[in-house]
């Protein structure tokens, strides 16, 4: 029992993993592009805006429709330098409407428009900090590597995806650790 207590105290004393902020939406925020499944004939609609309030955040809202083989809205930011080598996880600060949303990563190996790596996260009405390990990102198809290499990442996107629903999610910060 003493050894277990000693281990617990030792772990509690470890410093938190260092984080590098990728985006916190403070001026000048990175350039985020909004687009929908309309690029491939879908009918989803929405918008991505920077909102001021309790926190400055990217707000993604809209109507996601799977009609016409569609089913997404997204806001994407390019990361031409990739993620820092050694990155193990993305740490995001989000709030939403209680639904599931996604982060998509595109890499130097995602050549076709429909290729990406995806990780899901669930929202609540309160701000929460979520750690999304790179190992949680799964490839969209069999032609991609199984794992994301940090230096190969070329963009990150906040995405409402895959089912008919009204989307409303705020993203206030993205960091890596």
Protein backbone atom coordinates (compact mmCIF):
# COMPACT_ATOMS: atom_id res chain seq x y z
CA UNK A 1 0.00 0.00 0.00
CA UNK A 2 2.88 2.37 0.83
CA UNK A 3 4.37 1.73 -2.61
CA UNK A 4 1.07 2.53 -4.30
CA UNK A 5 0.78 5.80 -2.37
CA UNK A 6 4.37 6.69 -3.20
CA UNK A 7 3.71 6.03 -6.88
CA UNK A 8 0.58 8.20 -6.82
CA UNK A 9 2.46 11.10 -5.22
CA UNK A 10 5.32 10.72 -7.68
CA UNK A 11 2.95 10.82 -10.65
CA UNK A 12 1.13 13.83 -9.23
CA UNK A 13 4.45 15.64 -8.92
CA UNK A 14 5.38 15.11 -12.57
CA UNK A 15 5.20 18.31 -14.59
CA UNK A 16 2.37 18.65 -17.09
CA UNK A 17 3.30 17.92 -20.69
CA UNK A 18 4.52 21.07 -22.40
CA UNK A 19 2.06 22.44 -24.91
CA UNK A 20 2.69 24.49 -28.03
CA UNK A 21 -0.29 26.58 -29.16
CA UNK A 22 -1.22 26.13 -32.82
CA UNK A 23 -4.26 28.43 -32.71
CA UNK A 24 -6.02 30.46 -30.04
CA UNK A 25 -7.88 32.83 -32.39
CA UNK A 26 -6.23 35.92 -30.92
CA UNK A 27 -5.38 38.45 -33.64
CA UNK A 28 -3.91 37.69 -36.01
CA UNK A 29 -5.66 34.33 -36.12
CA UNK A 30 -4.70 31.82 -38.77
CA UNK A 31 -6.65 31.75 -42.01
CA UNK A 32 -9.55 29.29 -41.79
CA UNK A 33 -11.43 28.28 -44.94
CA UNK A 34 -15.05 27.13 -44.75
CA UNK A 35 -16.51 24.67 -47.19
CA UNK A 36 -19.22 22.05 -47.41
CA UNK A 37 -20.06 18.90 -49.31
CA UNK A 38 -21.36 21.21 -52.06
CA UNK A 39 -17.87 20.90 -53.58
CA UNK A 40 -18.95 17.36 -54.55
CA UNK A 41 -22.66 17.90 -55.19
CA UNK A 42 -23.98 17.74 -51.62
CA UNK A 43 -26.47 20.20 -50.14
CA UNK A 44 -25.14 20.92 -46.63
CA UNK A 45 -24.99 24.60 -45.64
CA UNK A 46 -23.42 26.62 -42.87
CA UNK A 47 -20.72 29.06 -41.89
CA UNK A 48 -17.57 29.43 -39.84
CA UNK A 49 -17.05 32.70 -38.01
CA UNK A 50 -14.72 34.05 -35.34
CA UNK A 51 -16.84 35.05 -32.35
CA UNK A 52 -15.96 37.21 -29.36
CA UNK A 53 -17.34 36.43 -25.93
CA UNK A 54 -16.18 34.58 -22.88
CA UNK A 55 -13.45 33.27 -25.22
CA UNK A 56 -12.57 34.14 -28.77
CA UNK A 57 -13.42 31.09 -30.83
CA UNK A 58 -14.11 29.67 -34.24
CA UNK A 59 -17.84 28.87 -34.43
CA UNK A 60 -18.94 26.21 -36.93
CA UNK A 61 -22.70 26.14 -37.53
CA UNK A 62 -24.98 24.76 -40.18
CA UNK A 63 -27.21 22.06 -41.53
CA UNK A 64 -25.47 18.81 -42.42
CA UNK A 65 -27.34 16.71 -44.97
CA UNK A 66 -26.45 13.31 -46.38
CA UNK A 67 -28.63 14.01 -49.42
CA UNK A 68 -26.85 13.68 -52.79
CA UNK A 69 -24.09 11.58 -51.16
CA UNK A 70 -23.02 14.54 -49.03
CA UNK A 71 -22.74 14.92 -45.31
CA UNK A 72 -20.23 17.51 -44.04
CA UNK A 73 -19.39 21.09 -43.25
CA UNK A 74 -15.91 22.08 -42.16
CA UNK A 75 -13.46 24.85 -41.38
CA UNK A 76 -9.85 24.08 -42.32
CA UNK A 77 -6.55 25.75 -41.57
CA UNK A 78 -3.36 24.99 -43.47
CA UNK A 79 -0.27 23.98 -41.49
CA UNK A 80 2.47 24.16 -44.14
CA UNK A 81 5.21 23.50 -41.59
CA UNK A 82 3.40 20.47 -40.16
CA UNK A 83 3.19 19.71 -36.47
CA UNK A 84 6.32 19.78 -34.34
CA UNK A 85 8.26 16.51 -34.38
CA UNK A 86 7.51 14.49 -31.27
CA UNK A 87 3.88 15.66 -31.15
CA UNK A 88 1.85 12.98 -29.38
CA UNK A 89 -1.55 14.67 -29.14
CA UNK A 90 -3.69 17.64 -30.02
CA UNK A 91 -5.25 19.45 -27.08
CA UNK A 92 -8.42 21.35 -27.98
CA UNK A 93 -10.69 23.66 -26.03
CA UNK A 94 -14.26 23.23 -27.27
CA UNK A 95 -17.91 23.53 -26.42
CA UNK A 96 -20.94 22.57 -28.40
CA UNK A 97 -24.46 21.31 -28.45
CA UNK A 98 -23.87 17.87 -26.94
CA UNK A 99 -23.17 16.20 -30.26
CA UNK A 100 -20.16 14.40 -31.74
CA UNK A 101 -17.79 16.35 -33.98
CA UNK A 102 -14.50 15.54 -35.66
CA UNK A 103 -11.01 16.75 -36.27
CA UNK A 104 -9.57 15.94 -39.68
CA UNK A 105 -5.90 16.02 -40.51
CA UNK A 106 -4.56 16.08 -44.04
CA UNK A 107 -0.95 15.14 -44.66
CA UNK A 108 1.53 15.19 -47.49
CA UNK A 109 0.22 11.66 -48.21
CA UNK A 110 -3.48 12.63 -48.50
CA UNK A 111 -3.39 13.51 -52.16
CA UNK A 112 -7.01 12.83 -53.16
CA UNK A 113 -9.71 15.26 -51.97
CA UNK A 114 -11.57 12.59 -50.00
CA UNK A 115 -8.53 11.40 -48.04
CA UNK A 116 -7.96 12.47 -44.42
CA UNK A 117 -7.31 11.18 -40.92
CA UNK A 118 -10.25 11.52 -38.52
CA UNK A 119 -10.75 11.57 -34.76
CA UNK A 120 -14.11 12.09 -33.05
CA UNK A 121 -14.88 14.05 -29.90
CA UNK A 122 -18.08 14.74 -27.99
CA UNK A 123 -19.16 18.19 -26.85
CA UNK A 124 -21.08 19.63 -23.94
CA UNK A 125 -22.50 23.10 -23.43
CA UNK A 126 -19.51 23.95 -21.22
CA UNK A 127 -15.96 24.67 -22.29
CA UNK A 128 -13.80 21.60 -21.96
CA UNK A 129 -10.20 20.78 -22.74
CA UNK A 130 -9.84 17.50 -24.61
CA UNK A 131 -6.65 15.61 -25.40
CA UNK A 132 -6.81 13.80 -28.74
CA UNK A 133 -3.81 11.49 -29.24
CA UNK A 134 -2.46 11.29 -32.78
CA UNK A 135 -2.93 7.54 -32.42
CA UNK A 136 -6.72 8.17 -32.27
CA UNK A 137 -6.76 9.50 -35.85
CA UNK A 138 -7.84 6.82 -38.31
CA UNK A 139 -7.26 6.95 -42.07
CA UNK A 140 -10.25 7.45 -44.36
CA UNK A 141 -9.15 4.66 -46.65
CA UNK A 142 -6.77 1.82 -47.27
CA UNK A 143 -4.30 3.78 -49.38
CA UNK A 144 -3.06 5.82 -46.41
CA UNK A 145 -0.47 5.03 -43.75
CA UNK A 146 -1.93 3.63 -40.54
CA UNK A 147 -0.44 6.38 -38.37
CA UNK A 148 -0.10 10.14 -38.69
CA UNK A 149 3.46 11.46 -38.82
CA UNK A 150 3.50 14.93 -37.18
CA UNK A 151 5.86 16.54 -39.68
CA UNK A 152 3.69 15.37 -42.59
CA UNK A 153 0.49 17.13 -41.37
CA UNK A 154 -0.51 19.89 -43.79
CA UNK A 155 -3.89 21.00 -42.42
CA UNK A 156 -6.32 20.61 -39.55
CA UNK A 157 -10.10 20.91 -39.80
CA UNK A 158 -13.07 21.15 -37.46
CA UNK A 159 -15.81 19.05 -39.04
CA UNK A 160 -19.50 18.25 -38.61
CA UNK A 161 -19.88 15.00 -40.48
CA UNK A 162 -21.69 11.86 -41.45
CA UNK A 163 -25.36 12.27 -40.54
CA UNK A 164 -28.27 14.66 -40.95
CA UNK A 165 -28.14 17.19 -38.12
CA UNK A 166 -27.91 20.83 -37.11
CA UNK A 167 -24.33 21.60 -36.11
CA UNK A 168 -23.12 24.13 -33.53
CA UNK A 169 -19.59 23.87 -32.11
CA UNK A 170 -17.02 26.40 -30.88
CA UNK A 171 -13.26 25.82 -30.95
CA UNK A 172 -11.25 28.25 -28.79
CA UNK A 173 -7.77 26.71 -28.82
CA UNK A 174 -5.62 24.04 -30.45
CA UNK A 175 -2.30 23.06 -28.92
CA UNK A 176 0.06 20.13 -29.33
CA UNK A 177 1.95 18.12 -26.76
